[in-house]
All heavy atoms as atom14 arrays in JSON, in Angstrom:
{
  "sequence": "GKLAASDHCRAAVAEMRELDAAFAKLRRRKPGFGMPAWEKVRKSAPS",
  "atom14_mask": [
    [1, 1, 1, 1, 0, 0, 0, 0, 0, 0, 0, 0, 0, 0],
    [1, 1, 1, 1, 1, 1, 1, 1, 1, 0, 0, 0, 0, 0],
    [1, 1, 1, 1, 1, 1, 1, 1, 0, 0, 0, 0, 0, 0],
    [1, 1, 1, 1, 1, 0, 0, 0, 0, 0, 0, 0, 0, 0],
    [1, 1, 1, 1, 1, 0, 0, 0, 0, 0, 0, 0, 0, 0],
    [1, 1, 1, 1, 1, 1, 0, 0, 0, 0, 0, 0, 0, 0],
    [1, 1, 1, 1, 1, 1, 1, 1, 0, 0, 0, 0, 0, 0],
    [1, 1, 1, 1, 1, 1, 1, 1, 1, 1, 0, 0, 0, 0],
    [1, 1, 1, 1, 1, 1, 0, 0, 0, 0, 0, 0, 0, 0],
    [1, 1, 1, 1, 1, 1, 1, 1, 1, 1, 1, 0, 0, 0],
    [1, 1, 1, 1, 1, 0, 0, 0, 0, 0, 0, 0, 0, 0],
    [1, 1, 1, 1, 1, 0, 0, 0, 0, 0, 0, 0, 0, 0],
    [1, 1, 1, 1, 1, 1, 1, 0, 0, 0, 0, 0, 0, 0],
    [1, 1, 1, 1, 1, 0, 0, 0, 0, 0, 0, 0, 0, 0],
    [1, 1, 1, 1, 1, 1, 1, 1, 1, 0, 0, 0, 0, 0],
    [1, 1, 1, 1, 1, 1, 1, 1, 0, 0, 0, 0, 0, 0],
    [1, 1, 1, 1, 1, 1, 1, 1, 1, 1, 1, 0, 0, 0],
    [1, 1, 1, 1, 1, 1, 1, 1, 1, 0, 0, 0, 0, 0],
    [1, 1, 1, 1, 1, 1, 1, 1, 0, 0, 0, 0, 0, 0],
    [1, 1, 1, 1, 1, 1, 1, 1, 0, 0, 0, 0, 0, 0],
    [1, 1, 1, 1, 1, 0, 0, 0, 0, 0, 0, 0, 0, 0],
    [1, 1, 1, 1, 1, 0, 0, 0, 0, 0, 0, 0, 0, 0],
    [1, 1, 1, 1, 1, 1, 1, 1, 1, 1, 1, 0, 0, 0],
    [1, 1, 1, 1, 1, 0, 0, 0, 0, 0, 0, 0, 0, 0],
    [1, 1, 1, 1, 1, 1, 1, 1, 1, 0, 0, 0, 0, 0],
    [1, 1, 1, 1, 1, 1, 1, 1, 0, 0, 0, 0, 0, 0],
    [1, 1, 1, 1, 1, 1, 1, 1, 1, 1, 1, 0, 0, 0],
    [1, 1, 1, 1, 1, 1, 1, 1, 1, 1, 1, 0, 0, 0],
    [1, 1, 1, 1, 1, 1, 1, 1, 1, 1, 1, 0, 0, 0],
    [1, 1, 1, 1, 1, 1, 1, 1, 1, 0, 0, 0, 0, 0],
    [1, 1, 1, 1, 1, 1, 1, 0, 0, 0, 0, 0, 0, 0],
    [1, 1, 1, 1, 0, 0, 0, 0, 0, 0, 0, 0, 0, 0],
    [1, 1, 1, 1, 1, 1, 1, 1, 1, 1, 1, 0, 0, 0],
    [1, 1, 1, 1, 0, 0, 0, 0, 0, 0, 0, 0, 0, 0],
    [1, 1, 1, 1, 1, 1, 1, 1, 0, 0, 0, 0, 0, 0],
    [1, 1, 1, 1, 1, 1, 1, 0, 0, 0, 0, 0, 0, 0],
    [1, 1, 1, 1, 1, 0, 0, 0, 0, 0, 0, 0, 0, 0],
    [1, 1, 1, 1, 1, 1, 1, 1, 1, 1, 1, 1, 1, 1],
    [1, 1, 1, 1, 1, 1, 1, 1, 1, 0, 0, 0, 0, 0],
    [1, 1, 1, 1, 1, 1, 1, 1, 1, 0, 0, 0, 0, 0],
    [1, 1, 1, 1, 1, 1, 1, 0, 0, 0, 0, 0, 0, 0],
    [1, 1, 1, 1, 1, 1, 1, 1, 1, 1, 1, 0, 0, 0],
    [1, 1, 1, 1, 1, 1, 1, 1, 1, 0, 0, 0, 0, 0],
    [1, 1, 1, 1, 1, 1, 0, 0, 0, 0, 0, 0, 0, 0],
    [1, 1, 1, 1, 1, 0, 0, 0, 0, 0, 0, 0, 0, 0],
    [1, 1, 1, 1, 1, 1, 1, 0, 0, 0, 0, 0, 0, 0],
    [1, 1, 1, 1, 1, 1, 0, 0, 0, 0, 0, 0, 0, 0]
  ],
  "atom14_positions": [
    [[0.81, -1.21, 0.0], [0.0, 0.0, 0.0], [0.84, 1.26, 0.0], [0.5, 2.25, -0.66], [0.0, 0.0, 0.0], [0.0, 0.0, 0.0], [0.0, 0.0, 0.0], [0.0, 0.0, 0.0], [0.0, 0.0, 0.0], [0.0, 0.0, 0.0], [0.0, 0.0, 0.0], [0.0, 0.0, 0.0], [0.0, 0.0, 0.0], [0.0, 0.0, 0.0]],
    [[1.95, 1.22, 0.73], [2.85, 2.38, 0.76], [3.48, 2.62, -0.6], [3.51, 3.75, -1.11], [3.94, 2.16, 1.81], [4.91, 3.32, 1.98], [5.9, 3.02, 3.09], [6.82, 4.21, 3.36], [7.66, 4.57, 2.22], [0.0, 0.0, 0.0], [0.0, 0.0, 0.0], [0.0, 0.0, 0.0], [0.0, 0.0, 0.0], [0.0, 0.0, 0.0]],
    [[3.94, 1.54, -1.23], [4.62, 1.67, -2.51], [3.65, 2.02, -3.63], [3.95, 2.85, -4.49], [5.35, 0.36, -2.85], [6.47, -0.06, -1.89], [6.95, -1.45, -2.24], [7.61, 0.94, -1.94], [0.0, 0.0, 0.0], [0.0, 0.0, 0.0], [0.0, 0.0, 0.0], [0.0, 0.0, 0.0], [0.0, 0.0, 0.0], [0.0, 0.0, 0.0]],
    [[2.48, 1.36, -3.65], [1.56, 1.5, -4.77], [0.62, 2.69, -4.63], [0.09, 3.17, -5.64], [0.74, 0.22, -4.92], [0.0, 0.0, 0.0], [0.0, 0.0, 0.0], [0.0, 0.0, 0.0], [0.0, 0.0, 0.0], [0.0, 0.0, 0.0], [0.0, 0.0, 0.0], [0.0, 0.0, 0.0], [0.0, 0.0, 0.0], [0.0, 0.0, 0.0]],
    [[0.4, 3.18, -3.41], [-0.61, 4.22, -3.23], [-0.12, 5.39, -2.39], [-0.06, 6.53, -2.86], [-1.87, 3.61, -2.6], [0.0, 0.0, 0.0], [0.0, 0.0, 0.0], [0.0, 0.0, 0.0], [0.0, 0.0, 0.0], [0.0, 0.0, 0.0], [0.0, 0.0, 0.0], [0.0, 0.0, 0.0], [0.0, 0.0, 0.0], [0.0, 0.0, 0.0]],
    [[0.24, 5.14, -1.15], [0.52, 6.24, -0.21], [1.65, 7.14, -0.66], [1.54, 8.37, -0.62], [0.84, 5.68, 1.18], [-0.25, 4.97, 1.68], [0.0, 0.0, 0.0], [0.0, 0.0, 0.0], [0.0, 0.0, 0.0], [0.0, 0.0, 0.0], [0.0, 0.0, 0.0], [0.0, 0.0, 0.0], [0.0, 0.0, 0.0], [0.0, 0.0, 0.0]],
    [[2.77, 6.55, -1.11], [3.91, 7.36, -1.52], [3.54, 8.26, -2.69], [3.93, 9.43, -2.73], [5.1, 6.47, -1.9], [5.83, 5.92, -0.68], [5.51, 6.35, 0.44], [6.71, 5.06, -0.87], [0.0, 0.0, 0.0], [0.0, 0.0, 0.0], [0.0, 0.0, 0.0], [0.0, 0.0, 0.0], [0.0, 0.0, 0.0], [0.0, 0.0, 0.0]],
    [[2.78, 7.71, -3.66], [2.4, 8.53, -4.81], [1.43, 9.62, -4.39], [1.56, 10.78, -4.83], [1.77, 7.67, -5.9], [1.4, 8.47, -7.12], [2.35, 8.97, -7.99], [0.2, 8.89, -7.59], [1.74, 9.65, -8.96], [0.44, 9.62, -8.73], [0.0, 0.0, 0.0], [0.0, 0.0, 0.0], [0.0, 0.0, 0.0], [0.0, 0.0, 0.0]],
    [[0.46, 9.3, -3.54], [-0.5, 10.32, -3.09], [0.2, 11.45, -2.35], [-0.14, 12.62, -2.52], [-1.55, 9.68, -2.19], [-2.74, 8.65, -3.09], [0.0, 0.0, 0.0], [0.0, 0.0, 0.0], [0.0, 0.0, 0.0], [0.0, 0.0, 0.0], [0.0, 0.0, 0.0], [0.0, 0.0, 0.0], [0.0, 0.0, 0.0], [0.0, 0.0, 0.0]],
    [[1.19, 11.09, -1.56], [1.94, 12.11, -0.81], [2.68, 13.05, -1.75], [2.74, 14.25, -1.52], [2.93, 11.4, 0.13], [3.66, 12.34, 1.08], [4.64, 11.57, 1.96], [3.95, 10.69, 2.89], [3.93, 9.36, 2.79], [4.56, 8.75, 1.79], [3.29, 8.63, 3.68], [0.0, 0.0, 0.0], [0.0, 0.0, 0.0], [0.0, 0.0, 0.0]],
    [[3.22, 12.51, -2.83], [4.04, 13.31, -3.75], [3.23, 13.94, -4.87], [3.76, 14.78, -5.61], [5.14, 12.43, -4.34], [0.0, 0.0, 0.0], [0.0, 0.0, 0.0], [0.0, 0.0, 0.0], [0.0, 0.0, 0.0], [0.0, 0.0, 0.0], [0.0, 0.0, 0.0], [0.0, 0.0, 0.0], [0.0, 0.0, 0.0], [0.0, 0.0, 0.0]],
    [[1.96, 13.55, -5.02], [1.21, 13.98, -6.2], [-0.17, 14.53, -5.83], [-1.16, 14.22, -6.48], [1.06, 12.81, -7.17], [0.0, 0.0, 0.0], [0.0, 0.0, 0.0], [0.0, 0.0, 0.0], [0.0, 0.0, 0.0], [0.0, 0.0, 0.0], [0.0, 0.0, 0.0], [0.0, 0.0, 0.0], [0.0, 0.0, 0.0], [0.0, 0.0, 0.0]],
    [[-0.21, 15.38, -4.81], [-1.48, 15.98, -4.41], [-2.08, 16.78, -5.57], [-3.28, 16.71, -5.83], [-1.3, 16.88, -3.17], [-2.59, 17.62, -2.84], [-0.85, 16.06, -1.97], [0.0, 0.0, 0.0], [0.0, 0.0, 0.0], [0.0, 0.0, 0.0], [0.0, 0.0, 0.0], [0.0, 0.0, 0.0], [0.0, 0.0, 0.0], [0.0, 0.0, 0.0]],
    [[-1.23, 17.53, -6.28], [-1.72, 18.36, -7.39], [-2.36, 17.49, -8.47], [-3.41, 17.84, -9.03], [-0.59, 19.19, -7.98], [0.0, 0.0, 0.0], [0.0, 0.0, 0.0], [0.0, 0.0, 0.0], [0.0, 0.0, 0.0], [0.0, 0.0, 0.0], [0.0, 0.0, 0.0], [0.0, 0.0, 0.0], [0.0, 0.0, 0.0], [0.0, 0.0, 0.0]],
    [[-1.74, 16.34, -8.77], [-2.31, 15.46, -9.79], [-3.64, 14.87, -9.33], [-4.62, 14.84, -10.09], [-1.34, 14.32, -10.11], [-1.92, 13.37, -11.16], [-0.99, 12.24, -11.55], [-0.39, 11.61, -10.67], [-0.86, 12.0, -12.76], [0.0, 0.0, 0.0], [0.0, 0.0, 0.0], [0.0, 0.0, 0.0], [0.0, 0.0, 0.0], [0.0, 0.0, 0.0]],
    [[-3.71, 14.41, -8.07], [-4.96, 13.86, -7.57], [-6.06, 14.92, -7.57], [-7.22, 14.62, -7.85], [-4.76, 13.3, -6.16], [-3.85, 12.08, -6.08], [-4.46, 10.66, -7.04], [-3.25, 10.61, -8.35], [0.0, 0.0, 0.0], [0.0, 0.0, 0.0], [0.0, 0.0, 0.0], [0.0, 0.0, 0.0], [0.0, 0.0, 0.0], [0.0, 0.0, 0.0]],
    [[-5.68, 16.16, -7.27], [-6.67, 17.24, -7.29], [-7.2, 17.46, -8.71], [-8.4, 17.67, -8.89], [-6.02, 18.53, -6.75], [-6.99, 19.69, -6.63], [-6.34, 20.89, -5.96], [-7.34, 21.89, -5.61], [-7.11, 22.92, -4.79], [-5.9, 23.09, -4.26], [-8.07, 23.78, -4.51], [0.0, 0.0, 0.0], [0.0, 0.0, 0.0], [0.0, 0.0, 0.0]],
    [[-6.32, 17.4, -9.69], [-6.74, 17.58, -11.09], [-7.65, 16.43, -11.53], [-8.66, 16.65, -12.21], [-5.52, 17.65, -12.0], [-4.67, 18.89, -11.78], [-4.57, 19.73, -13.03], [-5.42, 19.58, -13.93], [-3.63, 20.53, -13.1], [0.0, 0.0, 0.0], [0.0, 0.0, 0.0], [0.0, 0.0, 0.0], [0.0, 0.0, 0.0], [0.0, 0.0, 0.0]],
    [[-7.32, 15.21, -11.15], [-8.15, 14.07, -11.51], [-9.51, 14.16, -10.84], [-10.55, 13.86, -11.45], [-7.45, 12.77, -11.11], [-6.16, 12.41, -11.86], [-5.52, 11.17, -11.25], [-6.41, 12.2, -13.34], [0.0, 0.0, 0.0], [0.0, 0.0, 0.0], [0.0, 0.0, 0.0], [0.0, 0.0, 0.0], [0.0, 0.0, 0.0], [0.0, 0.0, 0.0]],
    [[-9.52, 14.6, -9.59], [-10.78, 14.77, -8.86], [-11.67, 15.8, -9.55], [-12.88, 15.58, -9.73], [-10.47, 15.22, -7.43], [-11.71, 15.58, -6.63], [-12.44, 14.67, -6.23], [-11.94, 16.79, -6.42], [0.0, 0.0, 0.0], [0.0, 0.0, 0.0], [0.0, 0.0, 0.0], [0.0, 0.0, 0.0], [0.0, 0.0, 0.0], [0.0, 0.0, 0.0]],
    [[-11.09, 16.93, -9.98], [-11.86, 17.97, -10.65], [-12.4, 17.46, -11.99], [-13.54, 17.76, -12.36], [-10.99, 19.21, -10.86], [0.0, 0.0, 0.0], [0.0, 0.0, 0.0], [0.0, 0.0, 0.0], [0.0, 0.0, 0.0], [0.0, 0.0, 0.0], [0.0, 0.0, 0.0], [0.0, 0.0, 0.0], [0.0, 0.0, 0.0], [0.0, 0.0, 0.0]],
    [[-11.6, 16.69, -12.71], [-12.04, 16.16, -14.0], [-13.17, 15.15, -13.82], [-14.13, 15.12, -14.6], [-10.86, 15.52, -14.73], [0.0, 0.0, 0.0], [0.0, 0.0, 0.0], [0.0, 0.0, 0.0], [0.0, 0.0, 0.0], [0.0, 0.0, 0.0], [0.0, 0.0, 0.0], [0.0, 0.0, 0.0], [0.0, 0.0, 0.0], [0.0, 0.0, 0.0]],
    [[-13.07, 14.33, -12.76], [-14.15, 13.37, -12.52], [-15.43, 14.08, -12.1], [-16.54, 13.65, -12.45], [-13.75, 12.33, -11.47], [-14.43, 11.01, -11.65], [-13.84, 10.0, -12.38], [-15.7, 10.78, -11.12], [-14.48, 8.79, -12.59], [-16.35, 9.59, -11.32], [-15.75, 8.58, -12.05], [0.0, 0.0, 0.0], [0.0, 0.0, 0.0], [0.0, 0.0, 0.0]],
    [[-15.28, 15.17, -11.36], [-16.46, 15.96, -10.98], [-17.17, 16.5, -12.23], [-18.41, 16.58, -12.26], [-16.04, 17.11, -10.07], [0.0, 0.0, 0.0], [0.0, 0.0, 0.0], [0.0, 0.0, 0.0], [0.0, 0.0, 0.0], [0.0, 0.0, 0.0], [0.0, 0.0, 0.0], [0.0, 0.0, 0.0], [0.0, 0.0, 0.0], [0.0, 0.0, 0.0]],
    [[-16.41, 16.85, -13.25], [-17.02, 17.31, -14.5], [-17.82, 16.18, -15.17], [-18.89, 16.42, -15.73], [-15.96, 17.85, -15.46], [-15.43, 19.22, -15.06], [-14.65, 19.85, -16.19], [-14.29, 21.29, -15.86], [-13.7, 21.99, -17.0], [0.0, 0.0, 0.0], [0.0, 0.0, 0.0], [0.0, 0.0, 0.0], [0.0, 0.0, 0.0], [0.0, 0.0, 0.0]],
    [[-17.27, 14.98, -15.12], [-18.02, 13.84, -15.65], [-19.34, 13.67, -14.9], [-20.39, 13.43, -15.5], [-17.19, 12.56, -15.51], [-16.15, 12.22, -16.56], [-15.47, 10.91, -16.21], [-16.77, 12.13, -17.94], [0.0, 0.0, 0.0], [0.0, 0.0, 0.0], [0.0, 0.0, 0.0], [0.0, 0.0, 0.0], [0.0, 0.0, 0.0], [0.0, 0.0, 0.0]],
    [[-19.3, 13.8, -13.59], [-20.5, 13.62, -12.78], [-21.56, 14.66, -13.12], [-22.77, 14.36, -13.06], [-20.15, 13.71, -11.3], [-19.31, 12.54, -10.78], [-19.14, 12.6, -9.28], [-20.44, 12.51, -8.61], [-20.62, 12.74, -7.32], [-19.6, 13.1, -6.55], [-21.82, 12.62, -6.78], [0.0, 0.0, 0.0], [0.0, 0.0, 0.0], [0.0, 0.0, 0.0]],
    [[-21.15, 15.85, -13.49], [-22.13, 16.89, -13.81], [-22.91, 16.58, -15.09], [-23.95, 17.19, -15.34], [-21.43, 18.25, -13.93], [-20.98, 18.8, -12.58], [-20.75, 20.3, -12.64], [-19.55, 20.65, -13.35], [-18.34, 20.7, -12.79], [-18.18, 20.39, -11.51], [-17.29, 21.05, -13.51], [0.0, 0.0, 0.0], [0.0, 0.0, 0.0], [0.0, 0.0, 0.0]],
    [[-22.43, 15.64, -15.88], [-23.17, 15.24, -17.07], [-24.36, 14.35, -16.72], [-25.25, 14.14, -17.54], [-22.23, 14.54, -18.05], [-21.27, 15.52, -18.75], [-20.08, 14.83, -19.37], [-20.43, 13.76, -20.29], [-19.53, 12.95, -20.86], [-18.23, 13.11, -20.58], [-19.91, 12.0, -21.68], [0.0, 0.0, 0.0], [0.0, 0.0, 0.0], [0.0, 0.0, 0.0]],
    [[-24.39, 13.8, -15.5], [-25.52, 13.02, -15.01], [-25.88, 13.52, -13.61], [-25.66, 12.83, -12.6], [-25.17, 11.52, -14.98], [-24.97, 10.87, -16.33], [-26.3, 10.76, -17.08], [-26.1, 10.1, -18.44], [-27.37, 10.02, -19.21], [0.0, 0.0, 0.0], [0.0, 0.0, 0.0], [0.0, 0.0, 0.0], [0.0, 0.0, 0.0], [0.0, 0.0, 0.0]],
    [[-26.42, 14.73, -13.51], [-26.64, 15.37, -12.21], [-27.57, 14.6, -11.28], [-27.5, 14.75, -10.06], [-27.22, 16.74, -12.56], [-27.76, 16.58, -13.95], [-26.88, 15.59, -14.63], [0.0, 0.0, 0.0], [0.0, 0.0, 0.0], [0.0, 0.0, 0.0], [0.0, 0.0, 0.0], [0.0, 0.0, 0.0], [0.0, 0.0, 0.0], [0.0, 0.0, 0.0]],
    [[-28.45, 13.77, -11.82], [-29.38, 13.04, -10.97], [-28.85, 11.71, -10.48], [-29.54, 10.99, -9.74], [0.0, 0.0, 0.0], [0.0, 0.0, 0.0], [0.0, 0.0, 0.0], [0.0, 0.0, 0.0], [0.0, 0.0, 0.0], [0.0, 0.0, 0.0], [0.0, 0.0, 0.0], [0.0, 0.0, 0.0], [0.0, 0.0, 0.0], [0.0, 0.0, 0.0]],
    [[-27.61, 11.35, -10.87], [-27.06, 10.05, -10.49], [-26.37, 10.15, -9.14], [-25.36, 10.86, -8.98], [-26.07, 9.57, -11.56], [-25.5, 8.2, -11.29], [-26.27, 7.08, -11.54], [-24.23, 8.05, -10.76], [-25.76, 5.81, -11.28], [-23.72, 6.79, -10.51], [-24.49, 5.66, -10.77], [0.0, 0.0, 0.0], [0.0, 0.0, 0.0], [0.0, 0.0, 0.0]],
    [[-26.91, 9.46, -8.14], [-26.36, 9.54, -6.79], [-25.14, 8.66, -6.61], [-25.08, 7.54, -7.11], [0.0, 0.0, 0.0], [0.0, 0.0, 0.0], [0.0, 0.0, 0.0], [0.0, 0.0, 0.0], [0.0, 0.0, 0.0], [0.0, 0.0, 0.0], [0.0, 0.0, 0.0], [0.0, 0.0, 0.0], [0.0, 0.0, 0.0], [0.0, 0.0, 0.0]],
    [[-24.15, 9.19, -5.87], [-22.93, 8.43, -5.54], [-22.61, 8.64, -4.06], [-21.63, 9.28, -3.69], [-21.76, 8.89, -6.43], [-21.99, 8.63, -7.92], [-20.63, 9.2, -8.99], [-19.27, 8.16, -8.46], [0.0, 0.0, 0.0], [0.0, 0.0, 0.0], [0.0, 0.0, 0.0], [0.0, 0.0, 0.0], [0.0, 0.0, 0.0], [0.0, 0.0, 0.0]],
    [[-23.46, 8.08, -3.16], [-23.29, 8.34, -1.72], [-21.97, 7.82, -1.15], [-21.35, 8.49, -0.31], [-24.49, 7.64, -1.08], [-24.96, 6.64, -2.11], [-24.65, 7.26, -3.43], [0.0, 0.0, 0.0], [0.0, 0.0, 0.0], [0.0, 0.0, 0.0], [0.0, 0.0, 0.0], [0.0, 0.0, 0.0], [0.0, 0.0, 0.0], [0.0, 0.0, 0.0]],
    [[-21.53, 6.63, -1.58], [-20.26, 6.09, -1.06], [-19.1, 6.96, -1.51], [-18.18, 7.26, -0.74], [-20.07, 4.64, -1.52], [0.0, 0.0, 0.0], [0.0, 0.0, 0.0], [0.0, 0.0, 0.0], [0.0, 0.0, 0.0], [0.0, 0.0, 0.0], [0.0, 0.0, 0.0], [0.0, 0.0, 0.0], [0.0, 0.0, 0.0], [0.0, 0.0, 0.0]],
    [[-19.12, 7.36, -2.78], [-18.08, 8.24, -3.32], [-18.0, 9.53, -2.5], [-16.91, 9.95, -2.1], [-18.37, 8.55, -4.79], [-17.32, 9.36, -5.49], [-17.14, 10.72, -5.41], [-16.29, 8.87, -6.36], [-16.07, 11.11, -6.19], [-15.53, 10.0, -6.79], [-15.96, 7.61, -6.85], [-14.46, 9.88, -7.66], [-14.88, 7.5, -7.72], [-14.14, 8.63, -8.12]],
    [[-19.14, 10.14, -2.26], [-19.16, 11.41, -1.52], [-18.65, 11.22, -0.09], [-17.92, 12.07, 0.43], [-20.57, 11.99, -1.51], [-20.96, 12.69, -2.79], [-19.98, 13.82, -3.14], [-19.65, 14.64, -2.26], [-19.52, 13.86, -4.29], [0.0, 0.0, 0.0], [0.0, 0.0, 0.0], [0.0, 0.0, 0.0], [0.0, 0.0, 0.0], [0.0, 0.0, 0.0]],
    [[-19.04, 10.11, 0.52], [-18.63, 9.89, 1.92], [-17.13, 9.71, 2.05], [-16.49, 10.31, 2.92], [-19.36, 8.67, 2.48], [-19.17, 8.5, 3.99], [-20.09, 7.41, 4.54], [-19.91, 7.28, 6.05], [-20.8, 6.23, 6.6], [0.0, 0.0, 0.0], [0.0, 0.0, 0.0], [0.0, 0.0, 0.0], [0.0, 0.0, 0.0], [0.0, 0.0, 0.0]],
    [[-16.54, 8.88, 1.18], [-15.09, 8.66, 1.28], [-14.33, 9.92, 0.86], [-13.28, 10.25, 1.43], [-14.65, 7.42, 0.46], [-14.77, 7.65, -1.02], [-13.23, 7.02, 0.82], [0.0, 0.0, 0.0], [0.0, 0.0, 0.0], [0.0, 0.0, 0.0], [0.0, 0.0, 0.0], [0.0, 0.0, 0.0], [0.0, 0.0, 0.0], [0.0, 0.0, 0.0]],
    [[-14.87, 10.66, -0.11], [-14.22, 11.9, -0.56], [-14.21, 12.94, 0.56], [-13.21, 13.63, 0.79], [-14.96, 12.43, -1.78], [-14.33, 13.66, -2.44], [-15.05, 13.97, -3.75], [-14.47, 15.11, -4.43], [-14.91, 16.37, -4.29], [-15.92, 16.62, -3.48], [-14.33, 17.34, -4.96], [0.0, 0.0, 0.0], [0.0, 0.0, 0.0], [0.0, 0.0, 0.0]],
    [[-15.33, 13.07, 1.28], [-15.44, 14.07, 2.34], [-14.67, 13.67, 3.6], [-14.47, 14.51, 4.49], [-16.9, 14.32, 2.67], [-17.64, 15.08, 1.57], [-19.12, 15.25, 1.9], [-19.84, 16.02, 0.79], [-21.29, 16.15, 1.04], [0.0, 0.0, 0.0], [0.0, 0.0, 0.0], [0.0, 0.0, 0.0], [0.0, 0.0, 0.0], [0.0, 0.0, 0.0]],
    [[-14.24, 12.41, 3.66], [-13.47, 11.98, 4.84], [-12.04, 12.53, 4.81], [-11.36, 12.55, 5.84], [-13.43, 10.45, 4.91], [-12.64, 9.91, 3.85], [0.0, 0.0, 0.0], [0.0, 0.0, 0.0], [0.0, 0.0, 0.0], [0.0, 0.0, 0.0], [0.0, 0.0, 0.0], [0.0, 0.0, 0.0], [0.0, 0.0, 0.0], [0.0, 0.0, 0.0]],
    [[-11.59, 12.97, 3.64], [-10.23, 13.51, 3.5], [-10.23, 15.01, 3.73], [-11.26, 15.67, 3.54], [-9.69, 13.19, 2.11], [0.0, 0.0, 0.0], [0.0, 0.0, 0.0], [0.0, 0.0, 0.0], [0.0, 0.0, 0.0], [0.0, 0.0, 0.0], [0.0, 0.0, 0.0], [0.0, 0.0, 0.0], [0.0, 0.0, 0.0], [0.0, 0.0, 0.0]],
    [[-9.11, 15.59, 4.12], [-9.01, 17.06, 4.22], [-9.25, 17.71, 2.85], [-9.2, 17.04, 1.81], [-7.57, 17.29, 4.7], [-7.15, 16.0, 5.33], [-7.86, 14.93, 4.55], [0.0, 0.0, 0.0], [0.0, 0.0, 0.0], [0.0, 0.0, 0.0], [0.0, 0.0, 0.0], [0.0, 0.0, 0.0], [0.0, 0.0, 0.0], [0.0, 0.0, 0.0]],
    [[-9.49, 19.01, 2.85], [-9.68, 19.72, 1.59], [-8.39, 19.71, 0.79], [-7.29, 19.5, 1.33], [-10.1, 21.17, 1.86], [-9.0, 21.91, 2.36], [0.0, 0.0, 0.0], [0.0, 0.0, 0.0], [0.0, 0.0, 0.0], [0.0, 0.0, 0.0], [0.0, 0.0, 0.0], [0.0, 0.0, 0.0], [0.0, 0.0, 0.0], [0.0, 0.0, 0.0]]
  ]
}
């Protein structure tokens, strides 16, 4: 987990932020589609 995920997340906050914003744009194409688990895990992290 450290090698495959944590180390990259620590070094690539800007990239993860860009991917998050791009996925949010995809979601806006289906505004009525609920993603409660996605929202819960996303909101568990700091801004």
